[in-house]
C-alpha atoms as a PDB file:
ATOM      1  CA  MET A   1      92.616 -89.642 102.227  1.00  0.00           C
ATOM      2  CA  THR A   2      89.865 -88.733  99.883  1.00  0.00           C
ATOM      3  CA  THR A   3      90.684 -86.947  96.786  1.00  0.00           C
ATOM      4  CA  ALA A   4      88.850 -83.875  95.597  1.00  0.00           C
ATOM      5  CA  ARG A   5      87.290 -85.911  92.852  1.00  0.00           C
ATOM      6  CA  GLN A   6      85.868 -88.464  95.308  1.00  0.00           C
ATOM      7  CA  HIS A   7      84.604 -85.665  97.513  1.00  0.00           C
ATOM      8  CA  HIS A   8      82.938 -84.020  94.522  1.00  0.00           C
ATOM      9  CA  THR A   9      81.296 -87.349  93.503  1.00  0.00           C
ATOM     10  CA  ARG A  10      80.009 -87.931  97.034  1.00  0.00           C
ATOM     11  CA  SER A  11      78.728 -84.399  97.188  1.00  0.00           C
ATOM     12  CA  THR A  12      76.943 -84.795  93.858  1.00  0.00           C
ATOM     13  CA  ARG A  13      75.379 -88.082  94.962  1.00  0.00           C
ATOM     14  CA  LEU A  14      74.259 -86.525  98.236  1.00  0.00           C
ATOM     15  CA  ARG A  15      72.647 -83.594  96.401  1.00  0.00           C
ATOM     16  CA  THR A  16      70.941 -86.013  93.993  1.00  0.00           C
ATOM     17  CA  LEU A  17      69.621 -88.099  96.896  1.00  0.00           C
ATOM     18  CA  LEU A  18      68.422 -84.973  98.725  1.00  0.00           C
ATOM     19  CA  ALA A  19      66.726 -83.667  95.563  1.00  0.00           C
ATOM     20  CA  ALA A  20      65.044 -87.042  94.985  1.00  0.00           C
ATOM     21  CA  ALA A  21      63.902 -87.132  98.605  1.00  0.00           C
ATOM     22  CA  ALA A  22      62.532 -83.604  98.313  1.00  0.00           C
ATOM     23  CA  ILE A  23      60.653 -84.468  95.102  1.00  0.00           C
ATOM     24  CA  THR A  24      59.266 -87.645  96.710  1.00  0.00           C
ATOM     25  CA  THR A  25      58.101 -85.643  99.731  1.00  0.00           C
ATOM     26  CA  VAL A  26      56.388 -83.055  97.530  1.00  0.00           C
ATOM     27  CA  VAL A  27      54.695 -85.722  95.399  1.00  0.00           C
ATOM     28  CA  ALA A  28      53.567 -87.579  98.517  1.00  0.00           C
ATOM     29  CA  ALA A  29      52.227 -84.383 100.068  1.00  0.00           C
ATOM     30  CA  VAL A  30      50.349 -83.453  96.912  1.00  0.00           C
ATOM     31  CA  THR A  31      48.934 -86.979  96.568  1.00  0.00           C
ATOM     32  CA  ILE A  32      47.853 -87.130 100.199  1.00  0.00           C
ATOM     33  CA  GLY A  33      46.439 -83.638  99.939  1.00  0.00           C
ATOM     34  CA  CYS A  34      44.398 -84.598  96.883  1.00  0.00           C
ATOM     35  CA  THR A  35      43.228 -87.807  98.486  1.00  0.00           C
ATOM     36  CA  LYS A  36      42.136 -86.060 101.668  1.00  0.00           C
ATOM     37  CA  GLU A  37      40.461 -83.324  99.675  1.00  0.00           C
ATOM     38  CA  ASN A  38      38.631 -85.865  97.516  1.00  0.00           C
ATOM     39  CA  LYS A  39      37.455 -87.792 100.571  1.00  0.00           C
ATOM     40  CA  ALA A  40      36.364 -84.671 102.390  1.00  0.00           C
ATOM     41  CA  ALA A  41      34.538 -83.063  99.478  1.00  0.00           C
ATOM     42  CA  PRO A  42      33.534 -85.457  96.714  1.00  0.00           C
ATOM     43  CA  PRO A  43      32.525 -83.815  93.485  1.00  0.00           C
ATOM     44  CA  PRO A  44      28.825 -82.999  93.438  1.00  0.00           C
ATOM     45  CA  SER A  45      26.761 -85.657  91.734  1.00  0.00           C
ATOM     46  CA  PRO A  46      24.346 -84.509  89.083  1.00  0.00           C
ATOM     47  CA  THR A  47      20.836 -84.223  90.452  1.00  0.00           C
ATOM     48  CA  THR A  48      17.938 -85.554  88.485  1.00  0.00           C
ATOM     49  CA  SER A  49      15.107 -83.115  88.567  1.00  0.00           C
ATOM     50  CA  PRO A  50      11.723 -84.172  87.266  1.00  0.00           C
ATOM     51  CA  SER A  51      11.164 -83.266  83.675  1.00  0.00           C
ATOM     52  CA  PRO A  52       8.727 -80.407  83.300  1.00  0.00           C
ATOM     53  CA  SER A  53       6.750 -82.590  80.874  1.00  0.00           C
ATOM     54  CA  ALA A  54       6.483 -85.525  83.316  1.00  0.00           C
ATOM     55  CA  ASP A  55       2.849 -86.436  83.900  1.00  0.00           C
ATOM     56  CA  PRO A  56       2.045 -86.401  87.649  1.00  0.00           C
ATOM     57  CA  GLN A  57      -0.914 -88.709  86.958  1.00  0.00           C
ATOM     58  CA  ALA A  58       1.072 -91.244  84.927  1.00  0.00           C
ATOM     59  CA  ALA A  59       0.802 -93.985  87.570  1.00  0.00           C
ATOM     60  CA  GLU A  60      -2.985 -93.609  87.822  1.00  0.00           C
ATOM     61  CA  LYS A  61      -3.344 -93.616  84.033  1.00  0.00           C
ATOM     62  CA  THR A  62      -1.253 -96.795  83.842  1.00  0.00           C
ATOM     63  CA  ALA A  63      -3.415 -98.431  86.530  1.00  0.00           C
ATOM     64  CA  LEU A  64      -6.595 -97.359  84.731  1.00  0.00           C
ATOM     65  CA  LEU A  65      -5.395 -98.761  81.402  1.00  0.00           C
ATOM     66  CA  GLY A  66      -4.401-101.980  83.191  1.00  0.00           C
ATOM     67  CA  VAL A  67      -7.951-102.401  84.507  1.00  0.00           C
ATOM     68  CA  TYR A  68      -9.328-101.628  81.045  1.00  0.00           C
ATOM     69  CA  ARG A  69      -7.229-104.442  79.532  1.00  0.00           C
ATOM     70  CA  ALA A  70      -8.267-106.780  82.366  1.00  0.00           C
ATOM     71  CA  PHE A  71     -11.890-105.849  81.611  1.00  0.00           C
ATOM     72  CA  TRP A  72     -11.379-106.853  77.982  1.00  0.00           C
ATOM     73  CA  ASP A  73      -9.646-110.106  78.970  1.00  0.00           C
ATOM     74  CA  ALA A  74     -12.624-110.969  81.182  1.00  0.00           C
ATOM     75  CA  GLN A  75     -15.142-110.005  78.458  1.00  0.00           C
ATOM     76  CA  LEU A  76     -13.376-112.260  75.952  1.00  0.00           C
ATOM     77  CA  LYS A  77     -13.715-115.188  78.381  1.00  0.00           C
ATOM     78  CA  VAL A  78     -17.407-114.420  79.008  1.00  0.00           C
ATOM     79  CA  TYR A  79     -18.275-114.223  75.311  1.00  0.00           C
ATOM     80  CA  ALA A  80     -16.195-117.278  74.373  1.00  0.00           C
ATOM     81  CA  SER A  81     -17.741-119.480  77.071  1.00  0.00           C
ATOM     82  CA  GLY A  82     -21.232-118.024  77.447  1.00  0.00           C
ATOM     83  CA  SER A  83     -20.687-117.794  81.214  1.00  0.00           C
ATOM     84  CA  THR A  84     -19.284-115.307  83.720  1.00  0.00           C
ATOM     85  CA  LYS A  85     -17.967-118.110  85.953  1.00  0.00           C
ATOM     86  CA  ASP A  86     -14.197-117.921  86.590  1.00  0.00           C
ATOM     87  CA  THR A  87     -13.761-114.961  84.216  1.00  0.00           C
ATOM     88  CA  GLY A  88     -12.993-112.264  86.802  1.00  0.00           C
ATOM     89  CA  ILE A  89     -15.495-109.875  85.207  1.00  0.00           C
ATOM     90  CA  GLU A  90     -17.001-108.926  88.580  1.00  0.00           C
ATOM     91  CA  LYS A  91     -13.613-107.644  89.779  1.00  0.00           C
ATOM     92  CA  VAL A  92     -13.139-105.181  86.940  1.00  0.00           C
ATOM     93  CA  ALA A  93     -16.702-104.259  85.911  1.00  0.00           C
ATOM     94  CA  SER A  94     -19.675-102.987  87.846  1.00  0.00           C
ATOM     95  CA  ASP A  95     -22.843-100.971  87.440  1.00  0.00           C
ATOM     96  CA  LYS A  96     -23.902-100.460  83.779  1.00  0.00           C
ATOM     97  CA  ALA A  97     -20.737-102.023  82.340  1.00  0.00           C
ATOM     98  CA  TYR A  98     -21.409-105.293  84.145  1.00  0.00           C
ATOM     99  CA  SER A  99     -25.089-105.223  83.095  1.00  0.00           C
ATOM    100  CA  LYS A 100     -24.159-104.612  79.447  1.00  0.00           C
ATOM    101  CA  VAL A 101     -21.719-107.536  79.476  1.00  0.00           C
ATOM    102  CA  GLN A 102     -24.451-109.761  80.947  1.00  0.00           C
ATOM    103  CA  THR A 103     -26.995-108.583  78.349  1.00  0.00           C
ATOM    104  CA  THR A 104     -24.562-109.272  75.486  1.00  0.00           C
ATOM    105  CA  ARG A 105     -23.693-112.676  76.952  1.00  0.00           C
ATOM    106  CA  ALA A 106     -27.407-113.557  77.154  1.00  0.00           C
ATOM    107  CA  TYR A 107     -27.865-112.499  73.514  1.00  0.00           C
ATOM    108  CA  TYR A 108     -25.061-114.805  72.341  1.00  0.00           C
ATOM    109  CA  VAL A 109     -26.315-117.717  74.467  1.00  0.00           C
ATOM    110  CA  GLY A 110     -29.866-117.177  73.160  1.00  0.00           C
ATOM    111  CA  ASN A 111     -28.609-117.325  69.570  1.00  0.00           C
ATOM    112  CA  GLY A 112     -26.423-120.369  70.177  1.00  0.00           C
ATOM    113  CA  SER A 113     -23.298-118.415  69.381  1.00  0.00           C
ATOM    114  CA  ILE A 114     -20.007-117.444  70.934  1.00  0.00           C
ATOM    115  CA  MET A 115     -17.213-115.043  70.025  1.00  0.00           C
ATOM    116  CA  LYS A 116     -13.873-116.195  68.607  1.00  0.00           C
ATOM    117  CA  GLY A 117     -10.610-114.341  68.207  1.00  0.00           C
ATOM    118  CA  GLU A 118      -9.893-110.999  69.797  1.00  0.00           C
ATOM    119  CA  PRO A 119     -10.134-107.327  68.927  1.00  0.00           C
ATOM    120  CA  LEU A 120      -7.253-104.932  68.440  1.00  0.00           C
ATOM    121  CA  LEU A 121      -7.244-102.257  71.122  1.00  0.00           C
ATOM    122  CA  SER A 122      -5.531 -98.864  71.183  1.00  0.00           C
ATOM    123  CA  PRO A 123      -6.822 -97.182  74.352  1.00  0.00           C
ATOM    124  CA  SER A 124      -5.873 -93.854  75.846  1.00  0.00           C
ATOM    125  CA  VAL A 125      -6.984 -92.062  78.991  1.00  0.00           C
ATOM    126  CA  SER A 126      -8.963 -89.104  77.706  1.00  0.00           C
ATOM    127  CA  ALA A 127      -9.987 -87.731  81.121  1.00  0.00           C
ATOM    128  CA  LEU A 128      -8.844 -88.276  84.692  1.00  0.00           C
ATOM    129  CA  ASP A 129     -10.161 -86.436  87.751  1.00  0.00           C
ATOM    130  CA  MET A 130      -8.426 -87.566  90.945  1.00  0.00           C
ATOM    131  CA  GLY A 131      -9.984 -84.664  92.863  1.00  0.00           C
ATOM    132  CA  LYS A 132     -13.481 -86.128  92.511  1.00  0.00           C
ATOM    133  CA  THR A 133     -14.998 -88.380  95.150  1.00  0.00           C
ATOM    134  CA  PRO A 134     -14.584 -91.089  94.049  1.00  0.00           C
ATOM    135  CA  PRO A 135     -11.859 -90.416  91.454  1.00  0.00           C
ATOM    136  CA  ALA A 136     -13.133 -90.805  87.883  1.00  0.00           C
ATOM    137  CA  GLY A 137     -11.549 -91.589  84.552  1.00  0.00           C
ATOM    138  CA  THR A 138     -12.522 -91.965  80.909  1.00  0.00           C
ATOM    139  CA  ILE A 139     -10.847 -94.196  78.343  1.00  0.00           C
ATOM    140  CA  THR A 140     -11.329 -93.721  74.618  1.00  0.00           C
ATOM    141  CA  ASP A 141     -10.490 -96.518  72.230  1.00  0.00           C
ATOM    142  CA  CYS A 142     -10.783 -97.368  68.569  1.00  0.00           C
ATOM    143  CA  VAL A 143     -11.777-101.022  68.863  1.00  0.00           C
ATOM    144  CA  ASP A 144     -11.004-103.025  65.727  1.00  0.00           C
ATOM    145  CA  THR A 145     -13.083-106.217  65.683  1.00  0.00           C
ATOM    146  CA  THR A 146     -11.871-107.466  62.290  1.00  0.00           C
ATOM    147  CA  GLY A 147     -10.356-110.543  63.954  1.00  0.00           C
ATOM    148  CA  TYR A 148     -13.130-110.952  66.534  1.00  0.00           C
ATOM    149  CA  ILE A 149     -16.151-112.735  65.080  1.00  0.00           C
ATOM    150  CA  GLN A 150     -19.419-114.325  66.141  1.00  0.00           C
ATOM    151  CA  VAL A 151     -19.613-118.045  65.349  1.00  0.00           C
ATOM    152  CA  ASN A 152     -22.148-120.804  65.845  1.00  0.00           C
ATOM    153  CA  LYS A 153     -21.253-122.577  69.097  1.00  0.00           C
ATOM    154  CA  GLU A 154     -21.902-126.061  67.653  1.00  0.00           C
ATOM    155  CA  SER A 155     -20.535-125.790  64.119  1.00  0.00           C
ATOM    156  CA  GLY A 156     -17.970-123.025  64.564  1.00  0.00           C
ATOM    157  CA  GLN A 157     -19.268-121.409  61.366  1.00  0.00           C
ATOM    158  CA  PRO A 158     -19.178-117.586  61.268  1.00  0.00           C
ATOM    159  CA  ILE A 159     -22.527-115.845  61.705  1.00  0.00           C
ATOM    160  CA  GLU A 160     -23.304-112.982  59.365  1.00  0.00           C
ATOM    161  CA  THR A 161     -24.044-109.722  61.141  1.00  0.00           C
ATOM    162  CA  LEU A 162     -25.538-106.491  59.871  1.00  0.00           C
ATOM    163  CA  ASP A 163     -22.561-104.507  61.154  1.00  0.00           C
ATOM    164  CA  THR A 164     -19.996-104.533  58.339  1.00  0.00           C
ATOM    165  CA  LYS A 165     -17.931-101.744  59.895  1.00  0.00           C
ATOM    166  CA  ARG A 166     -15.316-103.313  62.120  1.00  0.00           C
ATOM    167  CA  ARG A 167     -13.674-100.284  63.764  1.00  0.00           C
ATOM    168  CA  HIS A 168     -15.751 -98.339  66.269  1.00  0.00           C
ATOM    169  CA  LEU A 169     -15.001 -95.469  68.605  1.00  0.00           C
ATOM    170  CA  SER A 170     -15.731 -96.648  72.147  1.00  0.00           C
ATOM    171  CA  THR A 171     -15.805 -94.783  75.442  1.00  0.00           C
ATOM    172  CA  TYR A 172     -15.424 -96.403  78.864  1.00  0.00           C
ATOM    173  CA  THR A 173     -15.974 -94.638  82.172  1.00  0.00           C
ATOM    174  CA  ALA A 174     -14.377 -95.825  85.382  1.00  0.00           C
ATOM    175  CA  LEU A 175     -14.384 -95.014  89.087  1.00  0.00           C
ATOM    176  CA  LYS A 176     -11.756 -95.755  91.705  1.00  0.00           C
ATOM    177  CA  ILE A 177     -13.509 -97.231  94.722  1.00  0.00           C
ATOM    178  CA  GLY A 178     -11.724 -98.759  97.704  1.00  0.00           C
ATOM    179  CA  GLY A 179      -8.364 -98.110  96.036  1.00  0.00           C
ATOM    180  CA  ALA A 180      -9.209-100.058  92.855  1.00  0.00           C
ATOM    181  CA  TRP A 181     -10.387 -98.915  89.426  1.00  0.00           C
ATOM    182  CA  GLN A 182     -13.501-100.495  87.918  1.00  0.00           C
ATOM    183  CA  ILE A 183     -15.109 -99.990  84.532  1.00  0.00           C
ATOM    184  CA  ARG A 184     -18.585 -98.591  85.282  1.00  0.00           C
ATOM    185  CA  ASP A 185     -20.081 -97.925  81.850  1.00  0.00           C
ATOM    186  CA  LEU A 186     -19.284 -98.266  78.161  1.00  0.00           C
ATOM    187  CA  GLU A 187     -20.624 -96.775  74.964  1.00  0.00           C
ATOM    188  CA  ILE A 188     -19.866 -98.033  71.459  1.00  0.00           C
ATOM    189  CA  ASP A 189     -20.546 -95.460  68.776  1.00  0.00           C
ATOM    190  CA  ARG A 190     -21.831 -97.665  65.947  1.00  0.00           C
ATOM    191  CA  ASP A 191     -22.280 -94.635  63.687  1.00  0.00           C
ATOM    192  CA  ARG A 192     -18.653 -93.508  63.873  1.00  0.00           C
ATOM    193  CA  THR A 193     -15.718 -95.463  62.569  1.00  0.00           C
ATOM    194  CA  CYS A 194     -12.127 -94.733  63.434  1.00  0.00           C
END
């Protein structure tokens, strides 16, 4: 025979077990509910909208500046060697720009000189018209030739020049033909320093 005390203890244990089971069921239901809700509707991810100040022509400007630097790399090779062979100048220059490079090269060869060093460049695209046929661009640069000097090809001795100003404003025009930019003309303003 069970005593009242034993019955009370069993009853208390049973209520405790039932309460624990009820709490476990509620927690499980809430957890499952949250999990299903999270899987069904993940929180919205932040969308990245283009900045109002983003330049829609940035890629073309980058490509144009890349060709400008390639033009300078090729020029440096031409003027250091006295030849256009294996310089890549014909890929990045055409029309008047190519002719001016050839004329300058001929001048150095005729004087028995070459160019040493390299200029400091700080170009920017000052105009870009992708609506033109073909698309056209203009690059403005302050070319600093302090470290780019004319030397005698045989002796390596610097050659004195009349131009003592070493920073000149220069303008380069380019066209995009067949999907590639080319420098078409260049003007160096010898009267303006920058």
